[in-house]
Amino acid sequence: MTSNFPRRLQPRASASDDAADARLRTLLTRQIAETGREPSLAELAELSGLGVGGLRKALRRLEARHGLLLHPRGDKAWVVHPFSLYPASCWVQGRDKGWWATCLYCAFGVCGCVGEDVVITARFGGEAEAAEYRVQDGRLAPTSDLFHFLTPPRRWWDNVIYACATFQPFRSESDIDAWCARHGAARGYVIPVERLFDFALDWYRPHAGDWRARSVEDKRACFGRHGLTGPFWEI
């Protein structure tokens, strides 16, 4: 699987660029969490102090490091994980605002970033039946649902929109098998939704603090903390 998105030239980054880019990514995450939307390019340029030209270069560097995904035809952010900035498969409803997420894994990550009680609406297998998950006081309400990772992590950024779309909740193992047969998909990796919640918080909650690009070793360590081992999780 290869990306269908056009490649764009990426400016080279210095050590000072890396630090500034990390601050920008943290700022962007916090703005989306606090307002429920992406700031405009002009707003973000003013908030960051980078100016529009410097901001565009920083956004492209972040995209090259998988810090976010820009719209293929411009400099508008498309996905700033765990937030989606367009209508996506999950809705995370907070006290007085809400956020989109491209999958339940990301939706749990949104919960970790916004730090408030939420109700998450998804669909089992991405199909007709609605699935609802409640998070109160930082805890997921008990559920016996399962979560299916179809795409292994080493392939996520081949096309991250596709990868997120293949991650879905289910009621049972038999529902997963039937879904895979119905859609001609090879079964991936299955974990309980309750375990997914802990993994998503561990992975995404730091994004609202001081964001930094994870090394391969950091990723493996996070996987290992949640028992995500074996060939599927090799990166």
C-alpha atoms as a PDB file:
ATOM      1  CA  MET A   1       0.000   0.000   0.000  1.00  0.00           C
ATOM      2  CA  THR A   2       1.418   3.354  -1.003  1.00  0.00           C
ATOM      3  CA  SER A   3       0.136   6.818  -0.318  1.00  0.00           C
ATOM      4  CA  ASN A   4      -2.060   8.515  -2.886  1.00  0.00           C
ATOM      5  CA  PHE A   5      -1.128  11.918  -1.522  1.00  0.00           C
ATOM      6  CA  PRO A   6       1.225  14.069  -3.624  1.00  0.00           C
ATOM      7  CA  ARG A   7       4.695  14.471  -2.205  1.00  0.00           C
ATOM      8  CA  ARG A   8       5.806  17.986  -1.355  1.00  0.00           C
ATOM      9  CA  LEU A   9       9.282  19.365  -0.864  1.00  0.00           C
ATOM     10  CA  GLN A  10      10.201  19.497   2.823  1.00  0.00           C
ATOM     11  CA  PRO A  11      12.489  22.196   4.250  1.00  0.00           C
ATOM     12  CA  ARG A  12      15.510  20.922   6.133  1.00  0.00           C
ATOM     13  CA  ALA A  13      15.354  21.186   9.914  1.00  0.00           C
ATOM     14  CA  SER A  14      18.019  22.387  12.328  1.00  0.00           C
ATOM     15  CA  ALA A  15      18.138  21.669  16.065  1.00  0.00           C
ATOM     16  CA  SER A  16      16.521  25.043  16.729  1.00  0.00           C
ATOM     17  CA  ASP A  17      13.848  24.227  14.135  1.00  0.00           C
ATOM     18  CA  ASP A  18      13.109  20.965  15.954  1.00  0.00           C
ATOM     19  CA  ALA A  19      12.508  22.779  19.237  1.00  0.00           C
ATOM     20  CA  ALA A  20      10.337  25.429  17.589  1.00  0.00           C
ATOM     21  CA  ASP A  21       8.377  22.775  15.704  1.00  0.00           C
ATOM     22  CA  ALA A  22       7.709  20.862  18.922  1.00  0.00           C
ATOM     23  CA  ARG A  23       6.403  24.049  20.557  1.00  0.00           C
ATOM     24  CA  LEU A  24       4.192  24.705  17.539  1.00  0.00           C
ATOM     25  CA  ARG A  25       2.773  21.172  17.636  1.00  0.00           C
ATOM     26  CA  THR A  26       2.011  21.526  21.350  1.00  0.00           C
ATOM     27  CA  LEU A  27       0.384  24.923  20.767  1.00  0.00           C
ATOM     28  CA  LEU A  28      -1.738  23.549  17.926  1.00  0.00           C
ATOM     29  CA  THR A  29      -2.895  20.581  20.033  1.00  0.00           C
ATOM     30  CA  ARG A  30      -3.876  22.843  22.920  1.00  0.00           C
ATOM     31  CA  GLN A  31      -5.741  25.264  20.668  1.00  0.00           C
ATOM     32  CA  ILE A  32      -7.811  22.473  19.128  1.00  0.00           C
ATOM     33  CA  ALA A  33      -8.509  20.976  22.559  1.00  0.00           C
ATOM     34  CA  GLU A  34      -9.612  24.328  23.996  1.00  0.00           C
ATOM     35  CA  THR A  35     -11.654  25.638  21.058  1.00  0.00           C
ATOM     36  CA  GLY A  36     -12.857  22.513  19.244  1.00  0.00           C
ATOM     37  CA  ARG A  37     -11.456  23.724  15.940  1.00  0.00           C
ATOM     38  CA  GLU A  38      -8.228  24.403  14.077  1.00  0.00           C
ATOM     39  CA  PRO A  39      -6.950  27.990  14.280  1.00  0.00           C
ATOM     40  CA  SER A  40      -6.620  29.725  10.930  1.00  0.00           C
ATOM     41  CA  LEU A  41      -3.179  30.085   9.410  1.00  0.00           C
ATOM     42  CA  ALA A  42      -3.178  33.783  10.352  1.00  0.00           C
ATOM     43  CA  GLU A  43      -4.265  33.026  13.932  1.00  0.00           C
ATOM     44  CA  LEU A  44      -1.636  30.329  14.325  1.00  0.00           C
ATOM     45  CA  ALA A  45       1.072  32.539  12.826  1.00  0.00           C
ATOM     46  CA  GLU A  46       0.271  35.232  15.405  1.00  0.00           C
ATOM     47  CA  LEU A  47       0.004  32.816  18.337  1.00  0.00           C
ATOM     48  CA  SER A  48       3.270  31.094  17.455  1.00  0.00           C
ATOM     49  CA  GLY A  49       5.161  34.254  16.564  1.00  0.00           C
ATOM     50  CA  LEU A  50       6.516  32.529  13.457  1.00  0.00           C
ATOM     51  CA  GLY A  51       4.885  34.641  10.795  1.00  0.00           C
ATOM     52  CA  VAL A  52       2.971  33.032   7.937  1.00  0.00           C
ATOM     53  CA  GLY A  53       6.082  32.089   5.931  1.00  0.00           C
ATOM     54  CA  GLY A  54       7.868  30.539   8.895  1.00  0.00           C
ATOM     55  CA  LEU A  55       4.678  28.773   9.948  1.00  0.00           C
ATOM     56  CA  ARG A  56       4.228  27.141   6.548  1.00  0.00           C
ATOM     57  CA  LYS A  57       7.771  25.773   6.669  1.00  0.00           C
ATOM     58  CA  ALA A  58       7.286  24.505  10.229  1.00  0.00           C
ATOM     59  CA  LEU A  59       4.029  22.744   9.326  1.00  0.00           C
ATOM     60  CA  ARG A  60       5.719  20.993   6.414  1.00  0.00           C
ATOM     61  CA  ARG A  61       8.596  19.881   8.629  1.00  0.00           C
ATOM     62  CA  LEU A  62       6.107  18.503  11.149  1.00  0.00           C
ATOM     63  CA  GLU A  63       4.319  16.617   8.394  1.00  0.00           C
ATOM     64  CA  ALA A  64       7.625  15.112   7.258  1.00  0.00           C
ATOM     65  CA  ARG A  65       8.162  13.846  10.830  1.00  0.00           C
ATOM     66  CA  HIS A  66       4.607  12.487  11.028  1.00  0.00           C
ATOM     67  CA  GLY A  67       3.704  15.164  13.545  1.00  0.00           C
ATOM     68  CA  LEU A  68       0.523  15.988  11.617  1.00  0.00           C
ATOM     69  CA  LEU A  69      -1.057  15.601   8.216  1.00  0.00           C
ATOM     70  CA  LEU A  70      -1.663  18.572   5.924  1.00  0.00           C
ATOM     71  CA  HIS A  71      -4.315  18.773   3.264  1.00  0.00           C
ATOM     72  CA  PRO A  72      -2.711  17.531   0.032  1.00  0.00           C
ATOM     73  CA  ARG A  73      -3.421  20.810  -1.781  1.00  0.00           C
ATOM     74  CA  GLY A  74      -2.354  23.365   0.793  1.00  0.00           C
ATOM     75  CA  ASP A  75      -1.053  24.223   4.239  1.00  0.00           C
ATOM     76  CA  LYS A  76      -4.261  23.582   6.157  1.00  0.00           C
ATOM     77  CA  ALA A  77      -3.945  20.869   8.797  1.00  0.00           C
ATOM     78  CA  TRP A  78      -6.079  17.830   8.028  1.00  0.00           C
ATOM     79  CA  VAL A  79      -5.294  15.576  11.001  1.00  0.00           C
ATOM     80  CA  VAL A  80      -3.411  16.594  14.142  1.00  0.00           C
ATOM     81  CA  HIS A  81      -3.455  13.303  16.010  1.00  0.00           C
ATOM     82  CA  PRO A  82      -5.489  12.471  17.938  1.00  0.00           C
ATOM     83  CA  PHE A  83      -7.755  15.184  16.484  1.00  0.00           C
ATOM     84  CA  SER A  84      -9.325  15.096  13.057  1.00  0.00           C
ATOM     85  CA  LEU A  85     -10.141  18.499  11.592  1.00  0.00           C
ATOM     86  CA  TYR A  86     -12.774  17.208   9.204  1.00  0.00           C
ATOM     87  CA  PRO A  87     -15.913  15.063   9.767  1.00  0.00           C
ATOM     88  CA  ALA A  88     -14.603  11.623  10.653  1.00  0.00           C
ATOM     89  CA  SER A  89     -15.844   8.296  11.984  1.00  0.00           C
ATOM     90  CA  CYS A  90     -15.919   9.185  15.704  1.00  0.00           C
ATOM     91  CA  TRP A  91     -17.422  12.100  17.584  1.00  0.00           C
ATOM     92  CA  VAL A  92     -16.146  13.034  21.047  1.00  0.00           C
ATOM     93  CA  GLN A  93     -18.689  15.133  22.933  1.00  0.00           C
ATOM     94  CA  GLY A  94     -17.396  17.140  25.878  1.00  0.00           C
ATOM     95  CA  ARG A  95     -19.141  19.546  28.230  1.00  0.00           C
ATOM     96  CA  ASP A  96     -19.742  22.376  25.780  1.00  0.00           C
ATOM     97  CA  LYS A  97     -17.870  21.413  22.618  1.00  0.00           C
ATOM     98  CA  GLY A  98     -16.863  18.353  20.634  1.00  0.00           C
ATOM     99  CA  TRP A  99     -14.107  16.975  18.459  1.00  0.00           C
ATOM    100  CA  TRP A 100     -13.778  14.552  15.563  1.00  0.00           C
ATOM    101  CA  ALA A 101     -11.425  11.584  15.602  1.00  0.00           C
ATOM    102  CA  THR A 102     -10.587   9.229  12.764  1.00  0.00           C
ATOM    103  CA  CYS A 103     -10.965   6.086  14.909  1.00  0.00           C
ATOM    104  CA  LEU A 104     -11.831   4.988  18.444  1.00  0.00           C
ATOM    105  CA  TYR A 105      -8.136   4.735  19.310  1.00  0.00           C
ATOM    106  CA  CYS A 106      -7.740   8.426  18.454  1.00  0.00           C
ATOM    107  CA  ALA A 107     -11.046   9.292  20.158  1.00  0.00           C
ATOM    108  CA  PHE A 108      -9.698   7.893  23.427  1.00  0.00           C
ATOM    109  CA  GLY A 109      -6.586   9.975  22.785  1.00  0.00           C
ATOM    110  CA  VAL A 110      -8.747  13.093  22.409  1.00  0.00           C
ATOM    111  CA  CYS A 111     -10.213  12.283  25.820  1.00  0.00           C
ATOM    112  CA  GLY A 112      -6.699  12.233  27.273  1.00  0.00           C
ATOM    113  CA  CYS A 113      -5.805  15.576  25.684  1.00  0.00           C
ATOM    114  CA  VAL A 114      -8.938  17.514  26.652  1.00  0.00           C
ATOM    115  CA  GLY A 115      -9.059  16.214  30.230  1.00  0.00           C
ATOM    116  CA  GLU A 116     -12.824  16.234  30.720  1.00  0.00           C
ATOM    117  CA  ASP A 117     -15.751  13.817  30.806  1.00  0.00           C
ATOM    118  CA  VAL A 118     -16.804  12.798  27.291  1.00  0.00           C
ATOM    119  CA  VAL A 119     -19.219  10.594  25.394  1.00  0.00           C
ATOM    120  CA  ILE A 120     -17.747   8.977  22.280  1.00  0.00           C
ATOM    121  CA  THR A 121     -19.926   7.857  19.408  1.00  0.00           C
ATOM    122  CA  ALA A 122     -18.540   5.389  16.859  1.00  0.00           C
ATOM    123  CA  ARG A 123     -19.987   2.539  14.752  1.00  0.00           C
ATOM    124  CA  PHE A 124     -19.346  -1.157  15.096  1.00  0.00           C
ATOM    125  CA  GLY A 125     -17.144  -2.155  12.166  1.00  0.00           C
ATOM    126  CA  GLY A 126     -17.736   1.288  10.671  1.00  0.00           C
ATOM    127  CA  GLU A 127     -21.164   0.060   9.604  1.00  0.00           C
ATOM    128  CA  ALA A 128     -24.759   0.713  10.667  1.00  0.00           C
ATOM    129  CA  GLU A 129     -24.900   0.068  14.421  1.00  0.00           C
ATOM    130  CA  ALA A 130     -23.823   2.882  16.721  1.00  0.00           C
ATOM    131  CA  ALA A 131     -21.329   2.216  19.517  1.00  0.00           C
ATOM    132  CA  GLU A 132     -21.124   4.526  22.511  1.00  0.00           C
ATOM    133  CA  TYR A 133     -18.379   4.840  25.126  1.00  0.00           C
ATOM    134  CA  ARG A 134     -18.444   7.053  28.206  1.00  0.00           C
ATOM    135  CA  VAL A 135     -15.420   8.406  30.024  1.00  0.00           C
ATOM    136  CA  GLN A 136     -15.921   9.969  33.441  1.00  0.00           C
ATOM    137  CA  ASP A 137     -13.250  11.138  35.883  1.00  0.00           C
ATOM    138  CA  GLY A 138     -10.611   9.742  33.543  1.00  0.00           C
ATOM    139  CA  ARG A 139     -12.103   6.244  33.531  1.00  0.00           C
ATOM    140  CA  LEU A 140     -13.836   4.331  30.768  1.00  0.00           C
ATOM    141  CA  ALA A 141     -17.218   2.884  31.679  1.00  0.00           C
ATOM    142  CA  PRO A 142     -16.995  -0.943  31.705  1.00  0.00           C
ATOM    143  CA  THR A 143     -17.392  -2.592  28.321  1.00  0.00           C
ATOM    144  CA  SER A 144     -16.800  -6.040  26.868  1.00  0.00           C
ATOM    145  CA  ASP A 145     -16.311  -4.704  23.329  1.00  0.00           C
ATOM    146  CA  LEU A 146     -13.234  -5.543  21.278  1.00  0.00           C
ATOM    147  CA  PHE A 147     -11.061  -3.427  19.002  1.00  0.00           C
ATOM    148  CA  HIS A 148      -9.551  -4.666  15.734  1.00  0.00           C
ATOM    149  CA  PHE A 149      -6.319  -3.206  14.328  1.00  0.00           C
ATOM    150  CA  LEU A 150      -6.359  -4.253  10.687  1.00  0.00           C
ATOM    151  CA  THR A 151      -3.246  -2.323   9.594  1.00  0.00           C
ATOM    152  CA  PRO A 152       0.079  -2.968  11.409  1.00  0.00           C
ATOM    153  CA  PRO A 153       1.912   0.098  12.802  1.00  0.00           C
ATOM    154  CA  ARG A 154       4.808  -0.152  10.349  1.00  0.00           C
ATOM    155  CA  ARG A 155       2.251   0.622   7.593  1.00  0.00           C
ATOM    156  CA  TRP A 156       0.249   3.334   9.333  1.00  0.00           C
ATOM    157  CA  TRP A 157       1.944   6.255   7.608  1.00  0.00           C
ATOM    158  CA  ASP A 158       1.804   4.705   4.143  1.00  0.00           C
ATOM    159  CA  ASN A 159      -1.644   6.300   4.199  1.00  0.00           C
ATOM    160  CA  VAL A 160      -2.630   7.284   7.728  1.00  0.00           C
ATOM    161  CA  ILE A 161      -6.220   8.157   6.796  1.00  0.00           C
ATOM    162  CA  TYR A 162      -6.704   4.657   5.407  1.00  0.00           C
ATOM    163  CA  ALA A 163      -5.004   3.066   8.415  1.00  0.00           C
ATOM    164  CA  CYS A 164      -7.266   4.847  10.898  1.00  0.00           C
ATOM    165  CA  ALA A 165     -10.323   3.934   8.850  1.00  0.00           C
ATOM    166  CA  THR A 166      -9.447   0.242   9.200  1.00  0.00           C
ATOM    167  CA  PHE A 167      -9.396   0.390  13.040  1.00  0.00           C
ATOM    168  CA  GLN A 168     -12.852  -0.527  14.310  1.00  0.00           C
ATOM    169  CA  PRO A 169     -14.719  -1.654  17.453  1.00  0.00           C
ATOM    170  CA  PHE A 170     -16.749  -4.871  17.541  1.00  0.00           C
ATOM    171  CA  ARG A 171     -18.951  -6.724  19.995  1.00  0.00           C
ATOM    172  CA  SER A 172     -17.308 -10.144  19.599  1.00  0.00           C
ATOM    173  CA  GLU A 173     -14.597 -12.240  17.944  1.00  0.00           C
ATOM    174  CA  SER A 174     -17.204 -13.803  15.649  1.00  0.00           C
ATOM    175  CA  ASP A 175     -18.298 -10.326  14.510  1.00  0.00           C
ATOM    176  CA  ILE A 176     -14.680  -9.538  13.611  1.00  0.00           C
ATOM    177  CA  ASP A 177     -14.334 -12.754  11.613  1.00  0.00           C
ATOM    178  CA  ALA A 178     -17.601 -12.093   9.777  1.00  0.00           C
ATOM    179  CA  TRP A 179     -16.545  -8.504   9.029  1.00  0.00           C
ATOM    180  CA  CYS A 180     -13.195  -9.640   7.625  1.00  0.00           C
ATOM    181  CA  ALA A 181     -14.900 -12.247   5.442  1.00  0.00           C
ATOM    182  CA  ARG A 182     -17.505  -9.746   4.264  1.00  0.00           C
ATOM    183  CA  HIS A 183     -14.892  -7.165   3.258  1.00  0.00           C
ATOM    184  CA  GLY A 184     -12.191  -9.532   1.993  1.00  0.00           C
ATOM    185  CA  ALA A 185      -9.741  -8.507   4.723  1.00  0.00           C
ATOM    186  CA  ALA A 186      -7.154 -10.589   6.542  1.00  0.00           C
ATOM    187  CA  ARG A 187      -7.676 -10.535  10.297  1.00  0.00           C
ATOM    188  CA  GLY A 188      -5.310  -8.206  12.134  1.00  0.00           C
ATOM    189  CA  TYR A 189      -4.761  -7.777  15.880  1.00  0.00           C
ATOM    190  CA  VAL A 190      -7.558  -7.744  18.460  1.00  0.00           C
ATOM    191  CA  ILE A 191      -7.540  -6.273  21.970  1.00  0.00           C
ATOM    192  CA  PRO A 192     -10.284  -5.437  24.496  1.00  0.00           C
ATOM    193  CA  VAL A 193     -11.568  -1.879  24.185  1.00  0.00           C
ATOM    194  CA  GLU A 194     -10.727  -1.329  27.872  1.00  0.00           C
ATOM    195  CA  ARG A 195      -7.084  -2.134  27.111  1.00  0.00           C
ATOM    196  CA  LEU A 196      -7.179   0.093  24.055  1.00  0.00           C
ATOM    197  CA  PHE A 197      -8.251   2.973  26.305  1.00  0.00           C
ATOM    198  CA  ASP A 198      -5.161   2.622  28.504  1.00  0.00           C
ATOM    199  CA  PHE A 199      -2.900   2.338  25.444  1.00  0.00           C
ATOM    200  CA  ALA A 200      -4.433   5.413  23.782  1.00  0.00           C
ATOM    201  CA  LEU A 201      -4.004   7.529  26.915  1.00  0.00           C
ATOM    202  CA  ASP A 202      -0.367   6.474  27.233  1.00  0.00           C
ATOM    203  CA  TRP A 203       0.285   7.239  23.564  1.00  0.00           C
ATOM    204  CA  TYR A 204      -1.633  10.495  23.166  1.00  0.00           C
ATOM    205  CA  ARG A 205      -1.850  12.264  26.526  1.00  0.00           C
ATOM    206  CA  PRO A 206       1.739  13.652  26.221  1.00  0.00           C
ATOM    207  CA  HIS A 207       0.686  15.463  23.021  1.00  0.00           C
ATOM    208  CA  ALA A 208      -1.120  18.072  25.099  1.00  0.00           C
ATOM    209  CA  GLY A 209       1.939  18.585  27.295  1.00  0.00           C
ATOM    210  CA  ASP A 210       5.267  19.009  25.563  1.00  0.00           C
ATOM    211  CA  TRP A 211       5.022  17.243  22.222  1.00  0.00           C
ATOM    212  CA  ARG A 212       8.046  15.528  20.759  1.00  0.00           C
ATOM    213  CA  ALA A 213       8.536  13.089  17.925  1.00  0.00           C
ATOM    214  CA  ARG A 214       8.858   9.561  19.275  1.00  0.00           C
ATOM    215  CA  SER A 215      11.883   7.464  18.472  1.00  0.00           C
ATOM    216  CA  VAL A 216      11.475   3.870  17.354  1.00  0.00           C
ATOM    217  CA  GLU A 217      12.640   2.818  20.828  1.00  0.00           C
ATOM    218  CA  ASP A 218       9.962   4.993  22.472  1.00  0.00           C
ATOM    219  CA  LYS A 219       7.272   3.454  20.277  1.00  0.00           C
ATOM    220  CA  ARG A 220       8.381  -0.082  21.046  1.00  0.00           C
ATOM    221  CA  ALA A 221       8.460   0.696  24.765  1.00  0.00           C
ATOM    222  CA  CYS A 222       4.896   2.034  24.667  1.00  0.00           C
ATOM    223  CA  PHE A 223       3.693  -1.015  22.757  1.00  0.00           C
ATOM    224  CA  GLY A 224       5.432  -3.265  25.260  1.00  0.00           C
ATOM    225  CA  ARG A 225       3.837  -1.565  28.270  1.00  0.00           C
ATOM    226  CA  HIS A 226       0.465  -2.690  26.945  1.00  0.00           C
ATOM    227  CA  GLY A 227       1.438  -6.178  25.843  1.00  0.00           C
ATOM    228  CA  LEU A 228       1.393  -5.279  22.155  1.00  0.00           C
ATOM    229  CA  THR A 229       4.075  -7.648  20.963  1.00  0.00           C
ATOM    230  CA  GLY A 230       4.716 -10.100  18.152  1.00  0.00           C
ATOM    231  CA  PRO A 231       5.153  -9.701  14.389  1.00  0.00           C
ATOM    232  CA  PHE A 232       2.133  -7.410  13.975  1.00  0.00           C
ATOM    233  CA  TRP A 233       3.752  -4.772  16.219  1.00  0.00           C
ATOM    234  CA  GLU A 234       7.266  -4.930  14.801  1.00  0.00           C
ATOM    235  CA  ILE A 235       8.495  -1.562  13.512  1.00  0.00           C
END
